[in-house]
Each structure stands twice: as C-alpha cells, then as structure tokens.
C-alpha cells in the first residue's frame, strides 16, 4: 500500500512511518517519531521528536503533538488541538539565558486506545486520556480522564459517559449504562466505567 508524503511536508528521514499512512501538506514529523499503519497526519500538523503513534490514528489539520507523547491505536486528535509537554514553560533560565532542550525534562501526554480530543482542546503535560474517552472541543484538560468519560470546559470535568461509538450512554438502571447505537452495556463503579462482555 505504501506511504504517501506530500512534497510540502517535512518528514525527517529518521522518522518511521507505517504502511498505508499519509502525511499531508505542510505537516512536520520530527526525528525518531514512530507512526503506525494507516495513520493520517493532516495539513500543518506537528509530530515532535520521538513521539509514538499507534495504528489508524488521525491527527487533523494544525494539531500539535509534542514529545514524548504516546498515542495508542485508533486515537483521534482534532483540528488545532495541542498536547503540551512542559508544566513550567519559560523561554529563559533564571540567569536570563535562552533555555535549550537539555535545560528541562519533557513530560508527555498519553492518549489511550480509541480516545478522541476535540478541536482546539489543550491537554496539559503529563495527563493521560483514558480508553474511548472524549474531550470536547475547546476543553483544557489538566488531570487524567477516565476511560469512556466525556469531559468539557476549563478545567475539563466529566459531564457524561460515552461508549466506543462516541455517543452519550443512556442509564439502564443498577449502575448500568447502554449505548443507543451499538447496544453495548457498561457498568459504573467508584467513578469508573467498564464495558461488559457480551
């Protein structure tokens, strides 16, 4: 199937791009980044050095994924979303000298399988977005997001549960939740949601 890289994209020769993946106009993929199979890196998106991206991941236009982020399989990062890597950003050190990469320790974001981060959302360094969670457009995520949680606002807070289809779940009684699209059933316990086996 091959890899498609647009001529205007900047892909470092030391990056590893999986079969079937596409890197679109003006996107940049830095050294030692790893993208799995069938990924899409949209126009103007940025993938930092050493970032690890699984299979079937979509980075929409102008998404910024800073090192050392890890995105598992089937993750969606919306347009202009930002995954940061520095809790205490400064341009200079206390002596007024321009900071260099060796002057700080990058702290990456982890996005678990199937999770989605909406347009213009910001995820603060060190946060983990749980499996199949959904971060609303414009949210500012400052703490970990549980599996299947829908979070909104600044700072982001959970307002609903969502299923693997991305739609809000309906209450089914007894701490159970059901997906209106798939019929899958989930159990809630101690603020966590688990998909029940068929």
C-alpha atoms as a PDB file:
ATOM      1  CA  UNK A   1       0.000   0.000   0.000  1.00  0.00           C
ATOM      2  CA  UNK A   2       2.902   2.347   0.677  1.00  0.00           C
ATOM      3  CA  UNK A   3       3.272   5.670   2.468  1.00  0.00           C
ATOM      4  CA  UNK A   4       2.021   8.959   0.975  1.00  0.00           C
ATOM      5  CA  UNK A   5       4.010  12.062   1.885  1.00  0.00           C
ATOM      6  CA  UNK A   6       3.103  15.326   0.186  1.00  0.00           C
ATOM      7  CA  UNK A   7       6.068  17.234  -1.278  1.00  0.00           C
ATOM      8  CA  UNK A   8       5.423  20.226   1.011  1.00  0.00           C
ATOM      9  CA  UNK A   9       5.523  18.056   4.167  1.00  0.00           C
ATOM     10  CA  UNK A  10       8.688  17.949   6.288  1.00  0.00           C
ATOM     11  CA  UNK A  11       9.316  14.359   7.379  1.00  0.00           C
ATOM     12  CA  UNK A  12      12.687  13.630   8.956  1.00  0.00           C
ATOM     13  CA  UNK A  13      14.463  10.673   7.367  1.00  0.00           C
ATOM     14  CA  UNK A  14      14.878   9.151  10.851  1.00  0.00           C
ATOM     15  CA  UNK A  15      11.102   9.022  11.416  1.00  0.00           C
ATOM     16  CA  UNK A  16       9.355   5.666  10.978  1.00  0.00           C
ATOM     17  CA  UNK A  17       6.069   5.924   9.059  1.00  0.00           C
ATOM     18  CA  UNK A  18       3.882   2.816   8.850  1.00  0.00           C
ATOM     19  CA  UNK A  19       2.444   1.333   5.690  1.00  0.00           C
ATOM     20  CA  UNK A  20      -0.739   2.970   4.437  1.00  0.00           C
ATOM     21  CA  UNK A  21      -0.124   6.230   6.314  1.00  0.00           C
ATOM     22  CA  UNK A  22      -0.388   9.700   4.756  1.00  0.00           C
ATOM     23  CA  UNK A  23       1.326  12.964   5.720  1.00  0.00           C
ATOM     24  CA  UNK A  24      -0.366  15.990   4.158  1.00  0.00           C
ATOM     25  CA  UNK A  25       0.721  19.479   3.081  1.00  0.00           C
ATOM     26  CA  UNK A  26       2.922  21.499   5.446  1.00  0.00           C
ATOM     27  CA  UNK A  27       2.870  18.830   8.174  1.00  0.00           C
ATOM     28  CA  UNK A  28       6.083  18.142  10.097  1.00  0.00           C
ATOM     29  CA  UNK A  29       7.144  14.779  11.515  1.00  0.00           C
ATOM     30  CA  UNK A  30      10.374  15.055  13.514  1.00  0.00           C
ATOM     31  CA  UNK A  31      13.273  12.680  14.055  1.00  0.00           C
ATOM     32  CA  UNK A  32      12.655   9.308  15.698  1.00  0.00           C
ATOM     33  CA  UNK A  33       8.873   9.750  15.685  1.00  0.00           C
ATOM     34  CA  UNK A  34       7.053   6.476  15.029  1.00  0.00           C
ATOM     35  CA  UNK A  35       3.670   6.325  13.283  1.00  0.00           C
ATOM     36  CA  UNK A  36       1.837   3.046  12.879  1.00  0.00           C
ATOM     37  CA  UNK A  37      -0.126   1.753   9.905  1.00  0.00           C
ATOM     38  CA  UNK A  38      -2.955   3.647   8.199  1.00  0.00           C
ATOM     39  CA  UNK A  39      -2.433   6.958  10.033  1.00  0.00           C
ATOM     40  CA  UNK A  40      -3.349  10.396   8.712  1.00  0.00           C
ATOM     41  CA  UNK A  41      -1.302  13.479   9.606  1.00  0.00           C
ATOM     42  CA  UNK A  42      -3.315  16.485   8.430  1.00  0.00           C
ATOM     43  CA  UNK A  43      -2.222  19.759   6.873  1.00  0.00           C
ATOM     44  CA  UNK A  44       0.046  21.764   9.175  1.00  0.00           C
ATOM     45  CA  UNK A  45       0.096  19.139  11.933  1.00  0.00           C
ATOM     46  CA  UNK A  46       3.232  18.689  14.051  1.00  0.00           C
ATOM     47  CA  UNK A  47       4.630  15.447  15.499  1.00  0.00           C
ATOM     48  CA  UNK A  48       7.571  16.001  17.836  1.00  0.00           C
ATOM     49  CA  UNK A  49      10.812  14.030  18.147  1.00  0.00           C
ATOM     50  CA  UNK A  50      10.323  10.523  19.490  1.00  0.00           C
ATOM     51  CA  UNK A  51       6.512  10.726  19.643  1.00  0.00           C
ATOM     52  CA  UNK A  52       4.941   7.238  19.466  1.00  0.00           C
ATOM     53  CA  UNK A  53       1.711   6.856  17.493  1.00  0.00           C
ATOM     54  CA  UNK A  54      -0.210   3.606  17.016  1.00  0.00           C
ATOM     55  CA  UNK A  55      -2.244   2.315  14.065  1.00  0.00           C
ATOM     56  CA  UNK A  56      -5.254   4.061  12.469  1.00  0.00           C
ATOM     57  CA  UNK A  57      -4.627   7.381  14.232  1.00  0.00           C
ATOM     58  CA  UNK A  58      -5.909  10.661  12.787  1.00  0.00           C
ATOM     59  CA  UNK A  59      -4.207  13.980  13.502  1.00  0.00           C
ATOM     60  CA  UNK A  60      -6.410  16.673  11.992  1.00  0.00           C
ATOM     61  CA  UNK A  61      -5.140  19.930  10.473  1.00  0.00           C
ATOM     62  CA  UNK A  62      -2.823  22.006  12.680  1.00  0.00           C
ATOM     63  CA  UNK A  63      -2.841  19.519  15.575  1.00  0.00           C
ATOM     64  CA  UNK A  64       0.327  19.812  17.673  1.00  0.00           C
ATOM     65  CA  UNK A  65       1.674  16.701  19.406  1.00  0.00           C
ATOM     66  CA  UNK A  66       4.798  17.465  21.441  1.00  0.00           C
ATOM     67  CA  UNK A  67       7.319  14.892  22.580  1.00  0.00           C
ATOM     68  CA  UNK A  68       7.327  12.495  24.302  1.00  0.00           C
ATOM     69  CA  UNK A  69       3.600  11.925  23.729  1.00  0.00           C
ATOM     70  CA  UNK A  70       2.205   8.414  23.211  1.00  0.00           C
ATOM     71  CA  UNK A  71      -0.975   7.907  21.182  1.00  0.00           C
ATOM     72  CA  UNK A  72      -2.348   4.375  21.139  1.00  0.00           C
ATOM     73  CA  UNK A  73      -4.320   2.758  18.301  1.00  0.00           C
ATOM     74  CA  UNK A  74      -7.427   4.429  16.833  1.00  0.00           C
ATOM     75  CA  UNK A  75      -6.884   7.820  18.506  1.00  0.00           C
ATOM     76  CA  UNK A  76      -8.385  10.999  17.020  1.00  0.00           C
ATOM     77  CA  UNK A  77      -6.776  14.410  17.604  1.00  0.00           C
ATOM     78  CA  UNK A  78      -8.989  17.248  16.345  1.00  0.00           C
ATOM     79  CA  UNK A  79      -8.062  20.358  14.393  1.00  0.00           C
ATOM     80  CA  UNK A  80      -5.683  22.720  16.217  1.00  0.00           C
ATOM     81  CA  UNK A  81      -5.661  20.586  19.379  1.00  0.00           C
ATOM     82  CA  UNK A  82      -2.446  20.831  21.417  1.00  0.00           C
ATOM     83  CA  UNK A  83      -0.789  18.129  23.524  1.00  0.00           C
ATOM     84  CA  UNK A  84       1.779  20.018  25.623  1.00  0.00           C
ATOM     85  CA  UNK A  85       4.961  18.783  27.309  1.00  0.00           C
ATOM     86  CA  UNK A  86       6.133  21.379  29.852  1.00  0.00           C
ATOM     87  CA  UNK A  87       4.421  22.141  33.171  1.00  0.00           C
ATOM     88  CA  UNK A  88       6.597  25.185  33.863  1.00  0.00           C
ATOM     89  CA  UNK A  89       7.353  26.771  30.477  1.00  0.00           C
ATOM     90  CA  UNK A  90       9.921  29.531  30.284  1.00  0.00           C
ATOM     91  CA  UNK A  91      11.890  30.923  27.364  1.00  0.00           C
ATOM     92  CA  UNK A  92      14.922  31.683  29.549  1.00  0.00           C
ATOM     93  CA  UNK A  93      16.509  30.264  32.685  1.00  0.00           C
ATOM     94  CA  UNK A  94      16.859  32.284  35.909  1.00  0.00           C
ATOM     95  CA  UNK A  95      20.129  33.789  34.597  1.00  0.00           C
ATOM     96  CA  UNK A  96      18.336  35.115  31.517  1.00  0.00           C
ATOM     97  CA  UNK A  97      19.934  32.645  29.094  1.00  0.00           C
ATOM     98  CA  UNK A  98      17.802  31.081  26.377  1.00  0.00           C
ATOM     99  CA  UNK A  99      16.708  27.627  27.519  1.00  0.00           C
ATOM    100  CA  UNK A 100      17.810  24.644  25.446  1.00  0.00           C
ATOM    101  CA  UNK A 101      16.314  21.117  25.317  1.00  0.00           C
ATOM    102  CA  UNK A 102      18.804  19.871  27.933  1.00  0.00           C
ATOM    103  CA  UNK A 103      17.556  22.538  30.400  1.00  0.00           C
ATOM    104  CA  UNK A 104      14.241  20.787  31.071  1.00  0.00           C
ATOM    105  CA  UNK A 105      12.592  17.381  31.115  1.00  0.00           C
ATOM    106  CA  UNK A 106       9.729  16.956  28.654  1.00  0.00           C
ATOM    107  CA  UNK A 107       6.636  15.328  30.156  1.00  0.00           C
ATOM    108  CA  UNK A 108       4.395  13.805  27.511  1.00  0.00           C
ATOM    109  CA  UNK A 109       0.660  13.258  27.217  1.00  0.00           C
ATOM    110  CA  UNK A 110      -0.686   9.708  26.835  1.00  0.00           C
ATOM    111  CA  UNK A 111      -3.871   9.111  24.833  1.00  0.00           C
ATOM    112  CA  UNK A 112      -5.233   5.593  25.229  1.00  0.00           C
ATOM    113  CA  UNK A 113      -6.906   3.408  22.602  1.00  0.00           C
ATOM    114  CA  UNK A 114      -9.874   4.893  20.749  1.00  0.00           C
ATOM    115  CA  UNK A 115      -9.928   8.210  22.621  1.00  0.00           C
ATOM    116  CA  UNK A 116     -10.753  11.495  20.866  1.00  0.00           C
ATOM    117  CA  UNK A 117      -9.543  15.024  21.589  1.00  0.00           C
ATOM    118  CA  UNK A 118     -11.780  17.726  20.099  1.00  0.00           C
ATOM    119  CA  UNK A 119     -10.865  20.784  18.066  1.00  0.00           C
ATOM    120  CA  UNK A 120      -8.756  23.430  19.835  1.00  0.00           C
ATOM    121  CA  UNK A 121      -8.611  21.406  23.053  1.00  0.00           C
ATOM    122  CA  UNK A 122      -5.446  21.676  25.145  1.00  0.00           C
ATOM    123  CA  UNK A 123      -4.091  18.713  27.100  1.00  0.00           C
ATOM    124  CA  UNK A 124      -1.548  19.673  29.764  1.00  0.00           C
ATOM    125  CA  UNK A 125       1.760  17.817  30.089  1.00  0.00           C
ATOM    126  CA  UNK A 126       1.686  14.511  31.936  1.00  0.00           C
ATOM    127  CA  UNK A 127      -2.059  13.884  31.580  1.00  0.00           C
ATOM    128  CA  UNK A 128      -3.489  10.526  30.460  1.00  0.00           C
ATOM    129  CA  UNK A 129      -6.695  10.409  28.414  1.00  0.00           C
ATOM    130  CA  UNK A 130      -8.425   7.073  29.053  1.00  0.00           C
ATOM    131  CA  UNK A 131      -9.625   4.483  26.543  1.00  0.00           C
ATOM    132  CA  UNK A 132     -12.511   5.635  24.322  1.00  0.00           C
ATOM    133  CA  UNK A 133     -12.815   8.910  26.274  1.00  0.00           C
ATOM    134  CA  UNK A 134     -13.994  12.071  24.517  1.00  0.00           C
ATOM    135  CA  UNK A 135     -12.517  15.521  25.179  1.00  0.00           C
ATOM    136  CA  UNK A 136     -14.886  18.241  23.977  1.00  0.00           C
ATOM    137  CA  UNK A 137     -13.808  20.982  21.602  1.00  0.00           C
ATOM    138  CA  UNK A 138     -12.046  23.823  23.406  1.00  0.00           C
ATOM    139  CA  UNK A 139     -11.587  21.927  26.673  1.00  0.00           C
ATOM    140  CA  UNK A 140      -8.478  22.425  28.810  1.00  0.00           C
ATOM    141  CA  UNK A 141      -7.511  19.081  30.330  1.00  0.00           C
ATOM    142  CA  UNK A 142      -5.440  19.468  33.499  1.00  0.00           C
ATOM    143  CA  UNK A 143      -5.881  16.000  35.053  1.00  0.00           C
ATOM    144  CA  UNK A 144      -6.318  12.405  33.941  1.00  0.00           C
ATOM    145  CA  UNK A 145      -9.545  11.487  32.140  1.00  0.00           C
ATOM    146  CA  UNK A 146     -11.151   8.103  32.948  1.00  0.00           C
ATOM    147  CA  UNK A 147     -11.994   5.541  30.272  1.00  0.00           C
ATOM    148  CA  UNK A 148     -15.274   6.360  28.453  1.00  0.00           C
ATOM    149  CA  UNK A 149     -15.596   9.820  30.060  1.00  0.00           C
ATOM    150  CA  UNK A 150     -16.885  12.885  28.193  1.00  0.00           C
ATOM    151  CA  UNK A 151     -15.104  15.944  29.578  1.00  0.00           C
ATOM    152  CA  UNK A 152     -15.854  19.605  28.804  1.00  0.00           C
ATOM    153  CA  UNK A 153     -14.768  23.063  29.925  1.00  0.00           C
ATOM    154  CA  UNK A 154     -11.762  24.721  31.505  1.00  0.00           C
ATOM    155  CA  UNK A 155     -10.603  22.993  33.538  1.00  0.00           C
ATOM    156  CA  UNK A 156     -12.207  19.947  31.936  1.00  0.00           C
ATOM    157  CA  UNK A 157     -14.675  17.965  34.042  1.00  0.00           C
ATOM    158  CA  UNK A 158     -16.711  14.846  33.336  1.00  0.00           C
ATOM    159  CA  UNK A 159     -20.313  15.518  32.349  1.00  0.00           C
ATOM    160  CA  UNK A 160     -21.360  12.212  30.746  1.00  0.00           C
ATOM    161  CA  UNK A 161     -20.226   8.736  29.839  1.00  0.00           C
ATOM    162  CA  UNK A 162     -19.717   7.783  26.193  1.00  0.00           C
ATOM    163  CA  UNK A 163     -19.395   4.393  24.527  1.00  0.00           C
ATOM    164  CA  UNK A 164     -16.997   3.145  21.892  1.00  0.00           C
ATOM    165  CA  UNK A 165     -19.255   4.681  19.218  1.00  0.00           C
ATOM    166  CA  UNK A 166     -18.663   8.114  20.794  1.00  0.00           C
ATOM    167  CA  UNK A 167     -22.299   8.742  21.658  1.00  0.00           C
ATOM    168  CA  UNK A 168     -23.533   9.545  25.176  1.00  0.00           C
ATOM    169  CA  UNK A 169     -24.729   6.473  27.063  1.00  0.00           C
ATOM    170  CA  UNK A 170     -28.221   6.108  28.493  1.00  0.00           C
ATOM    171  CA  UNK A 171     -28.902   4.899  32.024  1.00  0.00           C
ATOM    172  CA  UNK A 172     -30.039   1.294  32.150  1.00  0.00           C
ATOM    173  CA  UNK A 173     -30.518   1.019  35.942  1.00  0.00           C
ATOM    174  CA  UNK A 174     -28.468  -0.644  38.646  1.00  0.00           C
ATOM    175  CA  UNK A 175     -25.265   1.193  37.774  1.00  0.00           C
ATOM    176  CA  UNK A 176     -25.521   0.054  34.157  1.00  0.00           C
ATOM    177  CA  UNK A 177     -25.280   2.206  31.044  1.00  0.00           C
ATOM    178  CA  UNK A 178     -26.221   1.347  27.451  1.00  0.00           C
ATOM    179  CA  UNK A 179     -25.041   2.660  24.093  1.00  0.00           C
ATOM    180  CA  UNK A 180     -28.001   3.763  21.924  1.00  0.00           C
ATOM    181  CA  UNK A 181     -26.111   2.894  18.732  1.00  0.00           C
ATOM    182  CA  UNK A 182     -24.482  -0.472  19.483  1.00  0.00           C
ATOM    183  CA  UNK A 183     -26.498  -1.765  22.428  1.00  0.00           C
ATOM    184  CA  UNK A 184     -23.265  -2.394  24.354  1.00  0.00           C
ATOM    185  CA  UNK A 185     -23.694  -2.348  28.125  1.00  0.00           C
ATOM    186  CA  UNK A 186     -21.299  -0.737  30.594  1.00  0.00           C
ATOM    187  CA  UNK A 187     -21.031  -0.932  34.382  1.00  0.00           C
ATOM    188  CA  UNK A 188     -20.190   2.041  36.605  1.00  0.00           C
ATOM    189  CA  UNK A 189     -18.405   1.533  39.898  1.00  0.00           C
ATOM    190  CA  UNK A 190     -16.473   4.024  42.027  1.00  0.00           C
ATOM    191  CA  UNK A 191     -16.464   6.651  39.289  1.00  0.00           C
ATOM    192  CA  UNK A 192     -15.141   4.295  36.619  1.00  0.00           C
ATOM    193  CA  UNK A 193     -16.884   2.684  33.660  1.00  0.00           C
ATOM    194  CA  UNK A 194     -16.213  -0.793  32.286  1.00  0.00           C
ATOM    195  CA  UNK A 195     -17.529  -2.389  29.092  1.00  0.00           C
ATOM    196  CA  UNK A 196     -19.304  -5.619  29.964  1.00  0.00           C
ATOM    197  CA  UNK A 197     -18.596  -8.756  27.925  1.00  0.00           C
ATOM    198  CA  UNK A 198     -21.394  -9.981  25.660  1.00  0.00           C
END
